[in-house]
Structure formats: C-alpha cells, structure tokens
Amino acid sequence: MRKPFIAGNWKMNLLSTEAAALADLVREVAAEVKVEVGIAPPFTALAAVAGSLEGSNVRLLAQDLHWEDSGAFTGEVSASMLRDLGCTHVIIGHSERRQYFGETDASVNKKLQAAFKHGLTPILCIGETQEERDAGQTHQVLERQIRGGCAGFEPARLETMVIAYEPVWAIGKGKKPATTEQAQEAHVFIRALLANLYSQDLAAKVRIQYGGNVNPGNVKQLMAVPDIDGALVGGASLKPDTFIPIIKYQA
C-alpha cells in the first residue's frame, strides 16, 4: 500500500515568524492523521520551520536546489545545504520553475542526481499546459518529462521518488482543477509509463501526487481516485482554515 502524502508548497510567501507559526499548527494536526505530511517554506524560512518541526513526523521540503555541491553560483542553494537545515525532500521541476526560470528536462535530471546523492527525496513535478492539452499532447509531454528527468537512473534508485502531476492549466487563482476523471487518466498513464520504462514493481511503489487547485472541497474526491497517492497543495496550504481540512481529509 502506498501511504498518501500531502505536501504544502508555500512558494514565495510567509516571513519566518509566519511560517513557523503555521508549521506549529501543521505539526499538531499531522500527529493525529494517517497520511504523510510535508511543508515547503521559502528558503528564508527553512531554519525557523525546521525548529518548529523538530521531533515531529512532518517532512521539511525545499522548493528547489542547484545541482552542484558548491561553487560560484550566486543566489543558489545546494543539496548539502538543504540537508544541513534538516530537509528530507525537495521539489524539482515545478511548472513555475520551467515557465519563469527556464528549467529544462536536462536541468531537472541534474537536480535529481544531486538530490539522490545527498539523500533527499525528490518530488518530480510534471504536467502539460492548456495549449498542449488542447493539441492532444498530454501523454507526449508527460513521457518526455519523465524520460528526460529520470534519464540514466536505475529502477531501484527511483523507488523512493515522488511524482507530482500538476496540469499547468489547473494551477493558479481562477483556474479550474482537473476533474477526478482527468486526474485519474493522467495518473494511470504515468504509472503505466513507469512500468514500461522500468518495471511493474517500480510503478506499484512510486507515489504520484496530484497538484492543481486542491482545496477542502475537492480533496476527498481526488484522494478517492485509485492512482492518486496524495496532493501537492499550493495556495490552499498557506492558511490553516484551508490546509488543515486537506490534511484531515480522512476524518
């Protein structure tokens, strides 16, 4: 059985004190639920949130990393630095990184290598734009992103990886989330692709989250879908009155 994994991506929001206060609330709730819980504060709040989460079962996630261990890369953060702060997971290839900062499948691959090298669990984000979906290219895009991002890895190495299917057309204010049918169809394709590229065993083990306007009103329906193993939550993870009900969706 794949344990559901609910993760909050706080993006470029919350100062250190605000992030620590929200982390305190998440910690209390996470101790009472049967799902795995993680939060990804901005880099500036990682240390404060790590203090709030110390001794808890909440995973500390980073939102990105650089593929080199150290060097003249102004403004970047390495995997070893994230581990030093207590991070256990790192989000890689988020659509906003691809869209606004030129992230490619090749750079995603190098970042996955760095994460695995330093014992960080990568959350590999994949997903198609509205234009790609309208053109019937959803499967083609997902396959390209998985093939490129995971190139060169043995199946045993990828077993701990988490994949987050985030349809770009469903992310952001005013956007409609994928229907349960749309989400399941994509998740089934991703799992079948993993089986074809690697092995049935790997496909059965890898957790695939859904991301894209997850909220208290749709989380139960989404999580009831057989191949959805959790959620990568954006805006709804920034406030207790929306994030806590998502974490407690089984209650």
C-alpha atoms as a PDB file:
ATOM      1  CA  MET A   1       0.000   0.000   0.000  1.00  0.00           C
ATOM      2  CA  ARG A   2       1.242   3.468  -0.922  1.00  0.00           C
ATOM      3  CA  LYS A   3       0.864   5.873   2.007  1.00  0.00           C
ATOM      4  CA  PRO A   4      -0.846   9.133   0.951  1.00  0.00           C
ATOM      5  CA  PHE A   5       1.473  12.139   1.017  1.00  0.00           C
ATOM      6  CA  ILE A   6       0.015  15.631   1.473  1.00  0.00           C
ATOM      7  CA  ALA A   7       2.564  18.402   0.924  1.00  0.00           C
ATOM      8  CA  GLY A   8       2.147  22.169   1.063  1.00  0.00           C
ATOM      9  CA  ASN A   9       4.191  24.297  -1.317  1.00  0.00           C
ATOM     10  CA  TRP A  10       4.284  27.788   0.177  1.00  0.00           C
ATOM     11  CA  LYS A  11       6.126  29.280  -2.808  1.00  0.00           C
ATOM     12  CA  MET A  12       7.275  32.911  -2.281  1.00  0.00           C
ATOM     13  CA  ASN A  13       5.043  33.550   0.709  1.00  0.00           C
ATOM     14  CA  LEU A  14       5.318  33.942   4.509  1.00  0.00           C
ATOM     15  CA  LEU A  15       8.030  35.516   6.604  1.00  0.00           C
ATOM     16  CA  SER A  16       9.950  33.343   9.054  1.00  0.00           C
ATOM     17  CA  THR A  17       7.708  34.049  12.053  1.00  0.00           C
ATOM     18  CA  GLU A  18       4.547  33.472   9.998  1.00  0.00           C
ATOM     19  CA  ALA A  19       5.930  30.255   8.546  1.00  0.00           C
ATOM     20  CA  ALA A  20       6.968  28.941  11.967  1.00  0.00           C
ATOM     21  CA  ALA A  21       3.526  29.694  13.415  1.00  0.00           C
ATOM     22  CA  LEU A  22       1.784  27.820  10.594  1.00  0.00           C
ATOM     23  CA  ALA A  23       4.262  24.962  10.926  1.00  0.00           C
ATOM     24  CA  ASP A  24       3.348  24.665  14.617  1.00  0.00           C
ATOM     25  CA  LEU A  25      -0.299  24.122  13.675  1.00  0.00           C
ATOM     26  CA  VAL A  26       0.574  21.626  10.944  1.00  0.00           C
ATOM     27  CA  ARG A  27       2.733  19.703  13.396  1.00  0.00           C
ATOM     28  CA  GLU A  28      -0.169  19.308  15.835  1.00  0.00           C
ATOM     29  CA  VAL A  29      -2.566  18.050  13.185  1.00  0.00           C
ATOM     30  CA  ALA A  30      -0.038  15.769  11.469  1.00  0.00           C
ATOM     31  CA  ALA A  31       0.410  13.833  14.697  1.00  0.00           C
ATOM     32  CA  GLU A  32      -3.258  12.792  14.521  1.00  0.00           C
ATOM     33  CA  VAL A  33      -3.602  11.681  10.892  1.00  0.00           C
ATOM     34  CA  LYS A  34      -2.620   8.568   8.963  1.00  0.00           C
ATOM     35  CA  VAL A  35      -1.186  10.403   5.945  1.00  0.00           C
ATOM     36  CA  GLU A  36       2.366  11.628   5.481  1.00  0.00           C
ATOM     37  CA  VAL A  37       2.591  15.419   5.689  1.00  0.00           C
ATOM     38  CA  GLY A  38       5.238  17.804   4.406  1.00  0.00           C
ATOM     39  CA  ILE A  39       5.663  21.558   4.001  1.00  0.00           C
ATOM     40  CA  ALA A  40       7.916  23.556   1.697  1.00  0.00           C
ATOM     41  CA  PRO A  41       8.547  27.058   3.041  1.00  0.00           C
ATOM     42  CA  PRO A  42      10.690  29.599   1.180  1.00  0.00           C
ATOM     43  CA  PHE A  43      14.445  29.266   1.692  1.00  0.00           C
ATOM     44  CA  THR A  44      14.499  32.184   4.143  1.00  0.00           C
ATOM     45  CA  ALA A  45      12.084  30.377   6.482  1.00  0.00           C
ATOM     46  CA  LEU A  46      13.582  26.879   6.335  1.00  0.00           C
ATOM     47  CA  ALA A  47      15.603  27.266   9.538  1.00  0.00           C
ATOM     48  CA  ALA A  48      12.662  28.680  11.511  1.00  0.00           C
ATOM     49  CA  VAL A  49      10.303  25.979  10.269  1.00  0.00           C
ATOM     50  CA  ALA A  50      12.884  23.279  10.971  1.00  0.00           C
ATOM     51  CA  GLY A  51      12.860  24.429  14.592  1.00  0.00           C
ATOM     52  CA  SER A  52       9.075  24.209  14.744  1.00  0.00           C
ATOM     53  CA  LEU A  53       9.072  20.709  13.258  1.00  0.00           C
ATOM     54  CA  GLU A  54      11.916  19.263  15.339  1.00  0.00           C
ATOM     55  CA  GLY A  55      10.909  15.874  16.739  1.00  0.00           C
ATOM     56  CA  SER A  56       7.719  15.725  14.677  1.00  0.00           C
ATOM     57  CA  ASN A  57       6.698  13.465  11.806  1.00  0.00           C
ATOM     58  CA  VAL A  58       6.240  16.375   9.371  1.00  0.00           C
ATOM     59  CA  ARG A  59       8.643  16.372   6.421  1.00  0.00           C
ATOM     60  CA  LEU A  60      10.597  19.541   5.685  1.00  0.00           C
ATOM     61  CA  LEU A  61      10.695  20.205   1.950  1.00  0.00           C
ATOM     62  CA  ALA A  62      12.741  22.633  -0.098  1.00  0.00           C
ATOM     63  CA  GLN A  63      11.260  24.249  -3.187  1.00  0.00           C
ATOM     64  CA  ASP A  64      14.330  23.831  -5.409  1.00  0.00           C
ATOM     65  CA  LEU A  65      18.081  23.179  -5.367  1.00  0.00           C
ATOM     66  CA  HIS A  66      21.183  23.581  -7.508  1.00  0.00           C
ATOM     67  CA  TRP A  67      22.833  20.511  -8.993  1.00  0.00           C
ATOM     68  CA  GLU A  68      26.368  21.425  -7.874  1.00  0.00           C
ATOM     69  CA  ASP A  69      27.597  20.801  -4.316  1.00  0.00           C
ATOM     70  CA  SER A  70      29.208  24.244  -4.027  1.00  0.00           C
ATOM     71  CA  GLY A  71      30.765  26.972  -6.123  1.00  0.00           C
ATOM     72  CA  ALA A  72      30.296  30.381  -7.714  1.00  0.00           C
ATOM     73  CA  PHE A  73      26.531  30.192  -8.206  1.00  0.00           C
ATOM     74  CA  THR A  74      25.204  33.398  -6.692  1.00  0.00           C
ATOM     75  CA  GLY A  75      21.742  33.035  -5.218  1.00  0.00           C
ATOM     76  CA  GLU A  76      21.655  29.232  -5.436  1.00  0.00           C
ATOM     77  CA  VAL A  77      21.311  26.600  -2.701  1.00  0.00           C
ATOM     78  CA  SER A  78      22.888  23.132  -2.765  1.00  0.00           C
ATOM     79  CA  ALA A  79      21.536  19.775  -1.645  1.00  0.00           C
ATOM     80  CA  SER A  80      24.053  19.557   1.191  1.00  0.00           C
ATOM     81  CA  MET A  81      22.916  22.967   2.471  1.00  0.00           C
ATOM     82  CA  LEU A  82      19.325  21.746   2.481  1.00  0.00           C
ATOM     83  CA  ARG A  83      20.279  18.595   4.347  1.00  0.00           C
ATOM     84  CA  ASP A  84      22.185  20.734   6.847  1.00  0.00           C
ATOM     85  CA  LEU A  85      18.929  22.574   7.598  1.00  0.00           C
ATOM     86  CA  GLY A  86      17.010  19.338   8.092  1.00  0.00           C
ATOM     87  CA  CYS A  87      15.262  18.994   4.732  1.00  0.00           C
ATOM     88  CA  THR A  88      14.218  15.474   3.756  1.00  0.00           C
ATOM     89  CA  HIS A  89      12.556  16.249   0.392  1.00  0.00           C
ATOM     90  CA  VAL A  90      12.980  18.725  -2.435  1.00  0.00           C
ATOM     91  CA  ILE A  91      10.568  19.818  -5.165  1.00  0.00           C
ATOM     92  CA  ILE A  92      12.165  19.611  -8.602  1.00  0.00           C
ATOM     93  CA  GLY A  93      10.875  20.795 -11.976  1.00  0.00           C
ATOM     94  CA  HIS A  94       7.818  22.680 -10.771  1.00  0.00           C
ATOM     95  CA  SER A  95       5.928  24.222 -13.674  1.00  0.00           C
ATOM     96  CA  GLU A  96       6.665  27.712 -12.375  1.00  0.00           C
ATOM     97  CA  ARG A  97      10.393  26.927 -12.457  1.00  0.00           C
ATOM     98  CA  ARG A  98      10.007  25.654 -16.006  1.00  0.00           C
ATOM     99  CA  GLN A  99       7.832  28.577 -17.124  1.00  0.00           C
ATOM    100  CA  TYR A 100       9.548  31.533 -15.463  1.00  0.00           C
ATOM    101  CA  PHE A 101      13.139  30.416 -14.939  1.00  0.00           C
ATOM    102  CA  GLY A 102      13.974  28.275 -17.936  1.00  0.00           C
ATOM    103  CA  GLU A 103      14.047  24.919 -16.182  1.00  0.00           C
ATOM    104  CA  THR A 104      14.539  22.092 -18.677  1.00  0.00           C
ATOM    105  CA  ASP A 105      14.319  18.317 -18.525  1.00  0.00           C
ATOM    106  CA  ALA A 106      18.131  18.273 -18.633  1.00  0.00           C
ATOM    107  CA  SER A 107      18.479  20.560 -15.604  1.00  0.00           C
ATOM    108  CA  VAL A 108      15.773  18.578 -13.818  1.00  0.00           C
ATOM    109  CA  ASN A 109      17.819  15.435 -14.393  1.00  0.00           C
ATOM    110  CA  LYS A 110      20.937  17.013 -12.887  1.00  0.00           C
ATOM    111  CA  LYS A 111      18.944  18.199  -9.890  1.00  0.00           C
ATOM    112  CA  LEU A 112      17.560  14.700  -9.355  1.00  0.00           C
ATOM    113  CA  GLN A 113      21.121  13.389  -9.360  1.00  0.00           C
ATOM    114  CA  ALA A 114      22.113  15.917  -6.692  1.00  0.00           C
ATOM    115  CA  ALA A 115      19.079  15.123  -4.546  1.00  0.00           C
ATOM    116  CA  PHE A 116      19.707  11.376  -4.603  1.00  0.00           C
ATOM    117  CA  LYS A 117      23.427  11.876  -3.987  1.00  0.00           C
ATOM    118  CA  HIS A 118      22.717  13.721  -0.736  1.00  0.00           C
ATOM    119  CA  GLY A 119      19.812  11.588   0.469  1.00  0.00           C
ATOM    120  CA  LEU A 120      17.000  13.975  -0.388  1.00  0.00           C
ATOM    121  CA  THR A 121      13.761  12.533  -1.722  1.00  0.00           C
ATOM    122  CA  PRO A 122      12.865  14.352  -4.941  1.00  0.00           C
ATOM    123  CA  ILE A 123       9.308  15.332  -5.775  1.00  0.00           C
ATOM    124  CA  LEU A 124       9.434  15.422  -9.574  1.00  0.00           C
ATOM    125  CA  CYS A 125       6.797  17.751 -10.993  1.00  0.00           C
ATOM    126  CA  ILE A 126       5.373  17.100 -14.444  1.00  0.00           C
ATOM    127  CA  GLY A 127       2.385  18.426 -16.331  1.00  0.00           C
ATOM    128  CA  GLU A 128       1.076  19.850 -19.576  1.00  0.00           C
ATOM    129  CA  THR A 129      -0.061  23.360 -20.483  1.00  0.00           C
ATOM    130  CA  GLN A 130      -3.541  24.178 -21.760  1.00  0.00           C
ATOM    131  CA  GLU A 131      -2.173  24.527 -25.285  1.00  0.00           C
ATOM    132  CA  GLU A 132      -0.518  21.125 -25.110  1.00  0.00           C
ATOM    133  CA  ARG A 133      -3.667  19.516 -23.762  1.00  0.00           C
ATOM    134  CA  ASP A 134      -5.825  21.129 -26.448  1.00  0.00           C
ATOM    135  CA  ALA A 135      -3.408  19.787 -29.066  1.00  0.00           C
ATOM    136  CA  GLY A 136      -3.765  16.251 -27.685  1.00  0.00           C
ATOM    137  CA  GLN A 137      -0.149  16.207 -26.499  1.00  0.00           C
ATOM    138  CA  THR A 138      -0.685  15.434 -22.808  1.00  0.00           C
ATOM    139  CA  HIS A 139       0.804  11.936 -22.926  1.00  0.00           C
ATOM    140  CA  GLN A 140       3.644  13.055 -25.150  1.00  0.00           C
ATOM    141  CA  VAL A 141       4.584  15.851 -22.735  1.00  0.00           C
ATOM    142  CA  LEU A 142       4.395  13.643 -19.644  1.00  0.00           C
ATOM    143  CA  GLU A 143       6.525  10.958 -21.289  1.00  0.00           C
ATOM    144  CA  ARG A 144       9.133  13.487 -22.397  1.00  0.00           C
ATOM    145  CA  GLN A 145       9.364  14.982 -18.911  1.00  0.00           C
ATOM    146  CA  ILE A 146       9.716  11.596 -17.219  1.00  0.00           C
ATOM    147  CA  ARG A 147      12.193  10.229 -19.761  1.00  0.00           C
ATOM    148  CA  GLY A 148      14.304  13.386 -19.615  1.00  0.00           C
ATOM    149  CA  GLY A 149      14.118  13.925 -15.884  1.00  0.00           C
ATOM    150  CA  CYS A 150      14.841  10.316 -14.963  1.00  0.00           C
ATOM    151  CA  ALA A 151      17.398   9.525 -17.689  1.00  0.00           C
ATOM    152  CA  GLY A 152      20.257   7.327 -16.532  1.00  0.00           C
ATOM    153  CA  PHE A 153      18.698   6.144 -13.275  1.00  0.00           C
ATOM    154  CA  GLU A 154      18.247   2.508 -12.333  1.00  0.00           C
ATOM    155  CA  PRO A 155      14.756   1.475 -11.143  1.00  0.00           C
ATOM    156  CA  ALA A 156      15.982   0.793  -7.605  1.00  0.00           C
ATOM    157  CA  ARG A 157      17.169   4.391  -7.329  1.00  0.00           C
ATOM    158  CA  LEU A 158      13.794   5.799  -8.381  1.00  0.00           C
ATOM    159  CA  GLU A 159      11.664   3.771  -5.970  1.00  0.00           C
ATOM    160  CA  THR A 160      11.762   6.471  -3.298  1.00  0.00           C
ATOM    161  CA  MET A 161      10.969   9.287  -5.715  1.00  0.00           C
ATOM    162  CA  VAL A 162       7.608  11.041  -5.600  1.00  0.00           C
ATOM    163  CA  ILE A 163       5.971  12.289  -8.786  1.00  0.00           C
ATOM    164  CA  ALA A 164       3.582  15.232  -8.721  1.00  0.00           C
ATOM    165  CA  TYR A 165       1.246  15.503 -11.692  1.00  0.00           C
ATOM    166  CA  GLU A 166       0.400  19.181 -11.932  1.00  0.00           C
ATOM    167  CA  PRO A 167      -1.546  20.167 -15.035  1.00  0.00           C
ATOM    168  CA  VAL A 168      -0.377  23.719 -15.659  1.00  0.00           C
ATOM    169  CA  TRP A 169      -3.855  24.698 -16.831  1.00  0.00           C
ATOM    170  CA  ALA A 170      -5.247  23.920 -13.370  1.00  0.00           C
ATOM    171  CA  ILE A 171      -2.716  25.926 -11.326  1.00  0.00           C
ATOM    172  CA  GLY A 172      -3.446  29.420 -10.051  1.00  0.00           C
ATOM    173  CA  LYS A 173      -6.290  31.652  -8.972  1.00  0.00           C
ATOM    174  CA  GLY A 174      -9.386  31.399 -11.093  1.00  0.00           C
ATOM    175  CA  LYS A 175      -8.310  28.126 -12.679  1.00  0.00           C
ATOM    176  CA  LYS A 176     -10.461  25.013 -12.515  1.00  0.00           C
ATOM    177  CA  PRO A 177      -8.893  21.861 -11.046  1.00  0.00           C
ATOM    178  CA  ALA A 178      -8.789  18.712 -13.097  1.00  0.00           C
ATOM    179  CA  THR A 179     -11.828  16.513 -12.742  1.00  0.00           C
ATOM    180  CA  THR A 180     -11.343  13.197 -10.989  1.00  0.00           C
ATOM    181  CA  GLU A 181     -11.610  11.513 -14.396  1.00  0.00           C
ATOM    182  CA  GLN A 182      -8.946  13.744 -15.929  1.00  0.00           C
ATOM    183  CA  ALA A 183      -6.648  13.281 -12.960  1.00  0.00           C
ATOM    184  CA  GLN A 184      -7.060   9.503 -12.862  1.00  0.00           C
ATOM    185  CA  GLU A 185      -6.459   9.190 -16.603  1.00  0.00           C
ATOM    186  CA  ALA A 186      -3.156  11.052 -16.318  1.00  0.00           C
ATOM    187  CA  HIS A 187      -2.089   9.118 -13.239  1.00  0.00           C
ATOM    188  CA  VAL A 188      -2.879   5.790 -14.912  1.00  0.00           C
ATOM    189  CA  PHE A 189      -0.791   6.823 -17.909  1.00  0.00           C
ATOM    190  CA  ILE A 190       2.144   7.846 -15.705  1.00  0.00           C
ATOM    191  CA  ARG A 191       2.061   4.585 -13.775  1.00  0.00           C
ATOM    192  CA  ALA A 192       1.840   2.535 -16.987  1.00  0.00           C
ATOM    193  CA  LEU A 193       4.750   4.515 -18.413  1.00  0.00           C
ATOM    194  CA  LEU A 194       6.880   3.745 -15.345  1.00  0.00           C
ATOM    195  CA  ALA A 195       6.051   0.069 -15.767  1.00  0.00           C
ATOM    196  CA  ASN A 196       7.050   0.158 -19.436  1.00  0.00           C
ATOM    197  CA  LEU A 197      10.242   2.159 -18.925  1.00  0.00           C
ATOM    198  CA  TYR A 198      11.384   0.462 -15.727  1.00  0.00           C
ATOM    199  CA  SER A 199       9.349  -2.251 -14.030  1.00  0.00           C
ATOM    200  CA  GLN A 200       5.925  -3.160 -12.676  1.00  0.00           C
ATOM    201  CA  ASP A 201       7.428  -3.195  -9.194  1.00  0.00           C
ATOM    202  CA  LEU A 202       8.629   0.387  -9.503  1.00  0.00           C
ATOM    203  CA  ALA A 203       5.299   1.512 -10.923  1.00  0.00           C
ATOM    204  CA  ALA A 204       3.493  -0.051  -7.975  1.00  0.00           C
ATOM    205  CA  LYS A 205       5.755   1.621  -5.407  1.00  0.00           C
ATOM    206  CA  VAL A 206       6.146   5.190  -6.663  1.00  0.00           C
ATOM    207  CA  ARG A 207       3.670   7.628  -5.165  1.00  0.00           C
ATOM    208  CA  ILE A 208       2.022  10.045  -7.593  1.00  0.00           C
ATOM    209  CA  GLN A 209       0.536  13.194  -6.122  1.00  0.00           C
ATOM    210  CA  TYR A 210      -1.986  15.462  -7.814  1.00  0.00           C
ATOM    211  CA  GLY A 211      -1.451  19.219  -7.761  1.00  0.00           C
ATOM    212  CA  GLY A 212      -3.623  21.962  -9.169  1.00  0.00           C
ATOM    213  CA  ASN A 213      -6.162  23.860  -7.074  1.00  0.00           C
ATOM    214  CA  VAL A 214      -6.551  21.189  -4.423  1.00  0.00           C
ATOM    215  CA  ASN A 215      -8.872  22.539  -1.738  1.00  0.00           C
ATOM    216  CA  PRO A 216     -11.072  21.331   1.150  1.00  0.00           C
ATOM    217  CA  GLY A 217     -14.000  20.962  -1.224  1.00  0.00           C
ATOM    218  CA  ASN A 218     -12.369  18.560  -3.684  1.00  0.00           C
ATOM    219  CA  VAL A 219      -9.641  16.766  -1.751  1.00  0.00           C
ATOM    220  CA  LYS A 220     -11.811  13.804  -0.706  1.00  0.00           C
ATOM    221  CA  GLN A 221     -12.951  13.128  -4.243  1.00  0.00           C
ATOM    222  CA  LEU A 222      -9.433  13.391  -5.624  1.00  0.00           C
ATOM    223  CA  MET A 223      -7.925  11.195  -2.920  1.00  0.00           C
ATOM    224  CA  ALA A 224     -10.574   8.544  -3.560  1.00  0.00           C
ATOM    225  CA  VAL A 225      -9.155   8.056  -7.067  1.00  0.00           C
ATOM    226  CA  PRO A 226      -7.201   4.751  -7.103  1.00  0.00           C
ATOM    227  CA  ASP A 227      -3.934   6.046  -8.579  1.00  0.00           C
ATOM    228  CA  ILE A 228      -3.721   9.370  -6.722  1.00  0.00           C
ATOM    229  CA  ASP A 229      -1.412   8.976  -3.739  1.00  0.00           C
ATOM    230  CA  GLY A 230      -1.516  12.453  -2.274  1.00  0.00           C
ATOM    231  CA  ALA A 231      -1.551  16.125  -3.136  1.00  0.00           C
ATOM    232  CA  LEU A 232       0.931  18.906  -3.705  1.00  0.00           C
ATOM    233  CA  VAL A 233      -1.042  21.882  -2.437  1.00  0.00           C
ATOM    234  CA  GLY A 234      -0.313  25.476  -3.380  1.00  0.00           C
ATOM    235  CA  GLY A 235      -2.378  28.456  -2.262  1.00  0.00           C
ATOM    236  CA  ALA A 236      -4.667  26.425  -0.007  1.00  0.00           C
ATOM    237  CA  SER A 237      -1.656  25.400   2.090  1.00  0.00           C
ATOM    238  CA  LEU A 238      -0.982  28.974   3.207  1.00  0.00           C
ATOM    239  CA  LYS A 239      -3.895  29.252   5.627  1.00  0.00           C
ATOM    240  CA  PRO A 240      -4.870  26.928   8.482  1.00  0.00           C
ATOM    241  CA  ASP A 241      -8.584  27.045   7.649  1.00  0.00           C
ATOM    242  CA  THR A 242      -7.911  25.532   4.219  1.00  0.00           C
ATOM    243  CA  PHE A 243      -4.758  23.446   4.729  1.00  0.00           C
ATOM    244  CA  ILE A 244      -5.788  21.701   7.940  1.00  0.00           C
ATOM    245  CA  PRO A 245      -9.011  20.258   6.430  1.00  0.00           C
ATOM    246  CA  ILE A 246      -6.963  18.959   3.493  1.00  0.00           C
ATOM    247  CA  ILE A 247      -4.549  17.192   5.838  1.00  0.00           C
ATOM    248  CA  LYS A 248      -7.523  15.788   7.749  1.00  0.00           C
ATOM    249  CA  TYR A 249      -9.490  14.722   4.679  1.00  0.00           C
ATOM    250  CA  GLN A 250      -9.872  11.176   6.035  1.00  0.00           C
ATOM    251  CA  ALA A 251     -11.536  12.377   9.252  1.00  0.00           C
END
